[in-house]
């Protein structure tokens, strides 16, 4: 999976639906010469986290700019409610919830 360097391309905060629409727009325009963008699943997004850091909860030498100090949506839906998705908080303690 490729990650854009700018972690705030969509100018957060967004609802899950707005995030999905933003991805469609990126694919339609072949953003950064790719047309297969998607939201990361819960495990992929969690794999970036560092439990030793906060604001952002990423390793000290992470490659991203513009990290939003809040919730990032994933493509993982909740089993008990498929109309809801999991999200990961990159601000303080790295939490994972669904909404």
C-alpha atoms as a PDB file:
ATOM      1  CA  UNK A   1       0.000   0.000   0.000  1.00  0.00           C
ATOM      2  CA  UNK A   2       1.256   3.475  -0.864  1.00  0.00           C
ATOM      3  CA  UNK A   3       0.777   6.327   1.575  1.00  0.00           C
ATOM      4  CA  UNK A   4       0.749   9.976   0.529  1.00  0.00           C
ATOM      5  CA  UNK A   5       3.357  12.049   2.385  1.00  0.00           C
ATOM      6  CA  UNK A   6       0.704  14.663   3.273  1.00  0.00           C
ATOM      7  CA  UNK A   7      -1.508  13.114   5.958  1.00  0.00           C
ATOM      8  CA  UNK A   8      -4.112  15.886   5.661  1.00  0.00           C
ATOM      9  CA  UNK A   9      -4.993  15.897   1.960  1.00  0.00           C
ATOM     10  CA  UNK A  10      -8.719  15.946   2.711  1.00  0.00           C
ATOM     11  CA  UNK A  11      -8.520  18.791   5.258  1.00  0.00           C
ATOM     12  CA  UNK A  12      -9.901  17.030   8.334  1.00  0.00           C
ATOM     13  CA  UNK A  13     -12.202  16.408  10.064  1.00  0.00           C
ATOM     14  CA  UNK A  14     -14.405  14.323   7.778  1.00  0.00           C
ATOM     15  CA  UNK A  15     -17.232  11.889   8.261  1.00  0.00           C
ATOM     16  CA  UNK A  16     -16.632   8.342   7.083  1.00  0.00           C
ATOM     17  CA  UNK A  17     -18.845   8.966   4.021  1.00  0.00           C
ATOM     18  CA  UNK A  18     -16.911  12.147   3.198  1.00  0.00           C
ATOM     19  CA  UNK A  19     -13.672  10.166   3.454  1.00  0.00           C
ATOM     20  CA  UNK A  20     -14.980   7.522   1.057  1.00  0.00           C
ATOM     21  CA  UNK A  21     -16.081  10.246  -1.380  1.00  0.00           C
ATOM     22  CA  UNK A  22     -12.663  11.891  -1.153  1.00  0.00           C
ATOM     23  CA  UNK A  23     -11.040   8.570  -2.113  1.00  0.00           C
ATOM     24  CA  UNK A  24     -13.377   8.282  -5.119  1.00  0.00           C
ATOM     25  CA  UNK A  25     -12.339  11.768  -6.210  1.00  0.00           C
ATOM     26  CA  UNK A  26      -8.650  10.902  -5.845  1.00  0.00           C
ATOM     27  CA  UNK A  27      -9.132   7.791  -7.987  1.00  0.00           C
ATOM     28  CA  UNK A  28     -11.172   9.624 -10.627  1.00  0.00           C
ATOM     29  CA  UNK A  29      -8.390  12.178 -10.977  1.00  0.00           C
ATOM     30  CA  UNK A  30      -5.555   9.645 -10.694  1.00  0.00           C
ATOM     31  CA  UNK A  31      -4.053  11.599  -7.792  1.00  0.00           C
ATOM     32  CA  UNK A  32      -0.249  11.266  -7.652  1.00  0.00           C
ATOM     33  CA  UNK A  33      -0.482   9.063 -10.767  1.00  0.00           C
ATOM     34  CA  UNK A  34      -2.476   6.347  -8.974  1.00  0.00           C
ATOM     35  CA  UNK A  35      -6.116   5.380  -9.459  1.00  0.00           C
ATOM     36  CA  UNK A  36      -6.357   2.648  -6.820  1.00  0.00           C
ATOM     37  CA  UNK A  37      -6.492   4.698  -3.596  1.00  0.00           C
ATOM     38  CA  UNK A  38      -8.477   3.320  -0.654  1.00  0.00           C
ATOM     39  CA  UNK A  39      -8.826   3.843   3.062  1.00  0.00           C
ATOM     40  CA  UNK A  40      -6.413   1.634   4.994  1.00  0.00           C
ATOM     41  CA  UNK A  41      -7.909  -1.204   6.985  1.00  0.00           C
ATOM     42  CA  UNK A  42      -7.664  -1.122  10.775  1.00  0.00           C
ATOM     43  CA  UNK A  43      -4.523  -3.273  10.942  1.00  0.00           C
ATOM     44  CA  UNK A  44      -2.703  -1.284   8.273  1.00  0.00           C
ATOM     45  CA  UNK A  45      -3.358   2.016  10.037  1.00  0.00           C
ATOM     46  CA  UNK A  46      -2.443   0.614  13.446  1.00  0.00           C
ATOM     47  CA  UNK A  47       0.840  -0.690  12.006  1.00  0.00           C
ATOM     48  CA  UNK A  48       2.009   2.929  11.683  1.00  0.00           C
ATOM     49  CA  UNK A  49       1.427   3.799  15.351  1.00  0.00           C
ATOM     50  CA  UNK A  50       3.934   4.200  18.138  1.00  0.00           C
ATOM     51  CA  UNK A  51       2.761   3.627  21.694  1.00  0.00           C
ATOM     52  CA  UNK A  52       5.768   5.589  23.005  1.00  0.00           C
ATOM     53  CA  UNK A  53       4.833   8.898  21.372  1.00  0.00           C
ATOM     54  CA  UNK A  54       1.912  11.297  21.236  1.00  0.00           C
ATOM     55  CA  UNK A  55       0.839  14.218  19.078  1.00  0.00           C
ATOM     56  CA  UNK A  56       1.190  12.432  16.757  1.00  0.00           C
ATOM     57  CA  UNK A  57       1.217   8.819  17.885  1.00  0.00           C
ATOM     58  CA  UNK A  58       3.765   7.962  15.206  1.00  0.00           C
ATOM     59  CA  UNK A  59       7.459   7.060  15.454  1.00  0.00           C
ATOM     60  CA  UNK A  60       9.759  10.100  15.762  1.00  0.00           C
ATOM     61  CA  UNK A  61      11.160   9.748  12.244  1.00  0.00           C
ATOM     62  CA  UNK A  62       7.836   9.127  10.456  1.00  0.00           C
ATOM     63  CA  UNK A  63       7.713  10.464   6.876  1.00  0.00           C
ATOM     64  CA  UNK A  64       4.372  12.289   7.077  1.00  0.00           C
ATOM     65  CA  UNK A  65       3.581  16.005   7.088  1.00  0.00           C
ATOM     66  CA  UNK A  66       0.298  17.633   8.072  1.00  0.00           C
ATOM     67  CA  UNK A  67      -0.712  14.900  10.527  1.00  0.00           C
ATOM     68  CA  UNK A  68      -4.164  15.674  11.920  1.00  0.00           C
ATOM     69  CA  UNK A  69      -4.244  15.433  15.700  1.00  0.00           C
ATOM     70  CA  UNK A  70      -7.400  13.335  15.800  1.00  0.00           C
ATOM     71  CA  UNK A  71      -9.315  10.464  14.205  1.00  0.00           C
ATOM     72  CA  UNK A  72      -8.425   8.752  10.931  1.00  0.00           C
ATOM     73  CA  UNK A  73     -11.039   6.521   9.320  1.00  0.00           C
ATOM     74  CA  UNK A  74     -10.342   2.974   8.194  1.00  0.00           C
ATOM     75  CA  UNK A  75     -12.096   0.778   5.654  1.00  0.00           C
ATOM     76  CA  UNK A  76     -12.838  -1.809   8.359  1.00  0.00           C
ATOM     77  CA  UNK A  77     -16.521  -1.933   9.164  1.00  0.00           C
ATOM     78  CA  UNK A  78     -17.937  -3.067  12.498  1.00  0.00           C
ATOM     79  CA  UNK A  79     -19.195  -6.645  12.410  1.00  0.00           C
ATOM     80  CA  UNK A  80     -22.261  -5.837  14.508  1.00  0.00           C
ATOM     81  CA  UNK A  81     -23.047  -2.748  12.419  1.00  0.00           C
ATOM     82  CA  UNK A  82     -21.628  -2.698   8.861  1.00  0.00           C
ATOM     83  CA  UNK A  83     -22.831   0.871   8.367  1.00  0.00           C
ATOM     84  CA  UNK A  84     -20.205   1.934  10.943  1.00  0.00           C
ATOM     85  CA  UNK A  85     -16.422   1.905  10.535  1.00  0.00           C
ATOM     86  CA  UNK A  86     -13.379   1.724  12.789  1.00  0.00           C
ATOM     87  CA  UNK A  87     -11.173   4.759  13.227  1.00  0.00           C
ATOM     88  CA  UNK A  88      -7.779   5.358  14.843  1.00  0.00           C
ATOM     89  CA  UNK A  89      -6.796   8.400  16.920  1.00  0.00           C
ATOM     90  CA  UNK A  90      -3.348   9.788  16.072  1.00  0.00           C
ATOM     91  CA  UNK A  91      -3.300  12.584  18.622  1.00  0.00           C
ATOM     92  CA  UNK A  92      -2.568  11.208  22.031  1.00  0.00           C
ATOM     93  CA  UNK A  93      -2.852   7.646  23.107  1.00  0.00           C
ATOM     94  CA  UNK A  94      -3.391   5.619  19.934  1.00  0.00           C
ATOM     95  CA  UNK A  95      -6.973   4.417  20.339  1.00  0.00           C
ATOM     96  CA  UNK A  96      -9.050   2.384  17.935  1.00  0.00           C
ATOM     97  CA  UNK A  97     -12.847   2.663  17.998  1.00  0.00           C
ATOM     98  CA  UNK A  98     -15.775   2.280  15.702  1.00  0.00           C
ATOM     99  CA  UNK A  99     -18.553   4.719  15.077  1.00  0.00           C
END
